[in-house]
Amino acid sequence: SLLLQDACLPSFVTRLLSPLLRWDAVFFVQIAQSGSFWDFEHFAAFFPGFSLVTRGVAYCLSFVTPFCWPACILLSATMVNMICFCLGAELLYFWARNSLHCTHGLARRAVLLF
């Protein structure tokens, strides 16, 4: 991918991140990298919230890591995505326990299937 070639990351990190940069992820990363979601007409379909948070985290990463800007964008997108996934799993567990009155085991299985 073009974004990974510009990322100046070590080769093992590039191999780890390349499967994650597929489908819509390319658009989210390009929006975060450019800072504008009005560059192309098809970017308007992507809510800029994820890209703006990714850009903010990448800005912070650029001060504490030796990586260049494209690398910080890719690393921050992965971090934000993982944090959102964990928060979603946590919310699913609490929703199943409190709103649906599921047992601990059933709520846990729901999260594992998530």
C-alpha atoms as a PDB file:
ATOM      1  CA  SER A   1       0.000   0.000   0.000  1.00  0.00           C
ATOM      2  CA  LEU A   2       1.162   3.521  -0.764  1.00  0.00           C
ATOM      3  CA  LEU A   3       0.552   4.727   2.787  1.00  0.00           C
ATOM      4  CA  LEU A   4       2.739   1.987   4.224  1.00  0.00           C
ATOM      5  CA  GLN A   5       5.537   2.741   1.766  1.00  0.00           C
ATOM      6  CA  ASP A   6       5.568   6.359   2.957  1.00  0.00           C
ATOM      7  CA  ALA A   7       5.400   5.398   6.616  1.00  0.00           C
ATOM      8  CA  CYS A   8       9.162   4.959   7.286  1.00  0.00           C
ATOM      9  CA  LEU A   9       8.414   2.127   9.695  1.00  0.00           C
ATOM     10  CA  PRO A  10      10.617  -0.871  10.393  1.00  0.00           C
ATOM     11  CA  SER A  11       9.813  -3.758   8.065  1.00  0.00           C
ATOM     12  CA  PHE A  12       8.333  -5.995  10.774  1.00  0.00           C
ATOM     13  CA  VAL A  13       5.884  -3.236  11.784  1.00  0.00           C
ATOM     14  CA  THR A  14       4.932  -2.707   8.146  1.00  0.00           C
ATOM     15  CA  ARG A  15       4.202  -6.437   7.809  1.00  0.00           C
ATOM     16  CA  LEU A  16       2.037  -6.302  10.958  1.00  0.00           C
ATOM     17  CA  LEU A  17       0.057  -3.231   9.897  1.00  0.00           C
ATOM     18  CA  SER A  18      -0.431  -4.019   6.204  1.00  0.00           C
ATOM     19  CA  PRO A  19      -3.392  -6.402   6.722  1.00  0.00           C
ATOM     20  CA  LEU A  20      -5.149  -3.698   8.763  1.00  0.00           C
ATOM     21  CA  LEU A  21      -5.005  -1.154   5.948  1.00  0.00           C
ATOM     22  CA  ARG A  22      -7.750  -2.537   3.730  1.00  0.00           C
ATOM     23  CA  TRP A  23     -11.178  -1.473   2.503  1.00  0.00           C
ATOM     24  CA  ASP A  24     -12.524   1.601   4.293  1.00  0.00           C
ATOM     25  CA  ALA A  25      -9.490   1.882   6.566  1.00  0.00           C
ATOM     26  CA  VAL A  26      -7.592   3.465   3.686  1.00  0.00           C
ATOM     27  CA  PHE A  27     -10.106   6.314   3.518  1.00  0.00           C
ATOM     28  CA  PHE A  28     -10.091   6.899   7.281  1.00  0.00           C
ATOM     29  CA  VAL A  29      -6.283   7.005   7.341  1.00  0.00           C
ATOM     30  CA  GLN A  30      -6.147   9.362   4.338  1.00  0.00           C
ATOM     31  CA  ILE A  31      -8.665  11.683   6.015  1.00  0.00           C
ATOM     32  CA  ALA A  32      -6.604  11.643   9.217  1.00  0.00           C
ATOM     33  CA  GLN A  33      -3.387  12.231   7.292  1.00  0.00           C
ATOM     34  CA  SER A  34      -4.702  15.150   5.225  1.00  0.00           C
ATOM     35  CA  GLY A  35      -6.792  16.674   8.025  1.00  0.00           C
ATOM     36  CA  SER A  36      -9.705  17.343   5.706  1.00  0.00           C
ATOM     37  CA  PHE A  37     -12.565  15.093   4.740  1.00  0.00           C
ATOM     38  CA  TRP A  38     -13.689  17.369   1.886  1.00  0.00           C
ATOM     39  CA  ASP A  39     -10.732  16.528  -0.389  1.00  0.00           C
ATOM     40  CA  PHE A  40     -12.690  14.034  -2.439  1.00  0.00           C
ATOM     41  CA  GLU A  41     -16.416  13.572  -2.913  1.00  0.00           C
ATOM     42  CA  HIS A  42     -16.464   9.988  -1.615  1.00  0.00           C
ATOM     43  CA  PHE A  43     -14.789  11.034   1.663  1.00  0.00           C
ATOM     44  CA  ALA A  44     -18.049  12.718   2.740  1.00  0.00           C
ATOM     45  CA  ALA A  45     -19.482   9.251   3.446  1.00  0.00           C
ATOM     46  CA  PHE A  46     -17.038   8.783   6.330  1.00  0.00           C
ATOM     47  CA  PHE A  47     -17.834  10.475   9.622  1.00  0.00           C
ATOM     48  CA  PRO A  48     -14.732  12.490  10.547  1.00  0.00           C
ATOM     49  CA  GLY A  49     -14.836  11.680  14.283  1.00  0.00           C
ATOM     50  CA  PHE A  50     -12.569   8.638  14.088  1.00  0.00           C
ATOM     51  CA  SER A  51     -10.157  10.419  11.764  1.00  0.00           C
ATOM     52  CA  LEU A  52      -9.994  13.522  13.960  1.00  0.00           C
ATOM     53  CA  VAL A  53      -9.277  11.464  17.078  1.00  0.00           C
ATOM     54  CA  THR A  54      -6.671   9.476  15.132  1.00  0.00           C
ATOM     55  CA  ARG A  55      -5.038  12.697  13.969  1.00  0.00           C
ATOM     56  CA  GLY A  56      -4.950  14.043  17.540  1.00  0.00           C
ATOM     57  CA  VAL A  57      -3.358  10.873  18.898  1.00  0.00           C
ATOM     58  CA  ALA A  58      -0.865  10.883  16.007  1.00  0.00           C
ATOM     59  CA  TYR A  59       0.049  14.467  16.846  1.00  0.00           C
ATOM     60  CA  CYS A  60       0.821  13.394  20.428  1.00  0.00           C
ATOM     61  CA  LEU A  61       2.734  10.332  19.208  1.00  0.00           C
ATOM     62  CA  SER A  62       4.885  12.468  16.936  1.00  0.00           C
ATOM     63  CA  PHE A  63       6.409  14.115  20.017  1.00  0.00           C
ATOM     64  CA  VAL A  64       7.189  10.918  21.928  1.00  0.00           C
ATOM     65  CA  THR A  65       8.234   8.552  19.130  1.00  0.00           C
ATOM     66  CA  PRO A  66      10.976   8.816  16.505  1.00  0.00           C
ATOM     67  CA  PHE A  67       8.549   7.913  13.687  1.00  0.00           C
ATOM     68  CA  CYS A  68       7.550  10.205  10.836  1.00  0.00           C
ATOM     69  CA  TRP A  69       4.010  11.559  10.352  1.00  0.00           C
ATOM     70  CA  PRO A  70       2.569   8.706   8.183  1.00  0.00           C
ATOM     71  CA  ALA A  71       3.883   6.158  10.667  1.00  0.00           C
ATOM     72  CA  CYS A  72       2.310   8.033  13.583  1.00  0.00           C
ATOM     73  CA  ILE A  73      -1.012   8.113  11.712  1.00  0.00           C
ATOM     74  CA  LEU A  74      -0.949   4.347  11.126  1.00  0.00           C
ATOM     75  CA  LEU A  75       0.051   3.548  14.693  1.00  0.00           C
ATOM     76  CA  SER A  76      -2.520   5.898  16.188  1.00  0.00           C
ATOM     77  CA  ALA A  77      -5.296   4.524  13.954  1.00  0.00           C
ATOM     78  CA  THR A  78      -4.483   1.037  15.209  1.00  0.00           C
ATOM     79  CA  MET A  79      -4.403   2.211  18.829  1.00  0.00           C
ATOM     80  CA  VAL A  80      -7.693   4.152  18.584  1.00  0.00           C
ATOM     81  CA  ASN A  81      -9.365   1.204  16.870  1.00  0.00           C
ATOM     82  CA  MET A  82      -8.248  -1.237  19.573  1.00  0.00           C
ATOM     83  CA  ILE A  83      -9.331   1.096  22.379  1.00  0.00           C
ATOM     84  CA  CYS A  84     -12.756   1.575  20.756  1.00  0.00           C
ATOM     85  CA  PHE A  85     -13.129  -2.185  20.377  1.00  0.00           C
ATOM     86  CA  CYS A  86     -12.304  -2.791  24.051  1.00  0.00           C
ATOM     87  CA  LEU A  87     -14.707  -0.062  25.178  1.00  0.00           C
ATOM     88  CA  GLY A  88     -17.420  -1.547  22.956  1.00  0.00           C
ATOM     89  CA  ALA A  89     -16.883  -4.989  24.466  1.00  0.00           C
ATOM     90  CA  GLU A  90     -17.017  -3.508  27.973  1.00  0.00           C
ATOM     91  CA  LEU A  91     -20.260  -1.670  27.178  1.00  0.00           C
ATOM     92  CA  LEU A  92     -21.764  -4.823  25.700  1.00  0.00           C
ATOM     93  CA  TYR A  93     -20.978  -6.723  28.892  1.00  0.00           C
ATOM     94  CA  PHE A  94     -22.525  -4.067  31.148  1.00  0.00           C
ATOM     95  CA  TRP A  95     -25.572  -3.747  28.883  1.00  0.00           C
ATOM     96  CA  ALA A  96     -26.112  -7.513  28.903  1.00  0.00           C
ATOM     97  CA  ARG A  97     -25.695  -7.692  32.689  1.00  0.00           C
ATOM     98  CA  ASN A  98     -27.778  -4.659  33.648  1.00  0.00           C
ATOM     99  CA  SER A  99     -30.393  -4.125  30.939  1.00  0.00           C
ATOM    100  CA  LEU A 100     -30.964  -7.694  29.804  1.00  0.00           C
ATOM    101  CA  HIS A 101     -30.378  -9.169  33.291  1.00  0.00           C
ATOM    102  CA  CYS A 102     -28.120 -11.896  31.888  1.00  0.00           C
ATOM    103  CA  THR A 103     -25.953 -14.037  34.102  1.00  0.00           C
ATOM    104  CA  HIS A 104     -22.233 -13.374  34.245  1.00  0.00           C
ATOM    105  CA  GLY A 105     -21.550 -16.424  32.074  1.00  0.00           C
ATOM    106  CA  LEU A 106     -24.020 -15.441  29.364  1.00  0.00           C
ATOM    107  CA  ALA A 107     -22.808 -11.838  29.255  1.00  0.00           C
ATOM    108  CA  ARG A 108     -19.224 -13.084  29.073  1.00  0.00           C
ATOM    109  CA  ARG A 109     -20.072 -15.381  26.140  1.00  0.00           C
ATOM    110  CA  ALA A 110     -21.749 -12.468  24.351  1.00  0.00           C
ATOM    111  CA  VAL A 111     -18.567 -10.442  24.701  1.00  0.00           C
ATOM    112  CA  LEU A 112     -16.421 -13.348  23.508  1.00  0.00           C
ATOM    113  CA  LEU A 113     -18.600 -13.685  20.415  1.00  0.00           C
ATOM    114  CA  PHE A 114     -18.339  -9.940  19.844  1.00  0.00           C
END
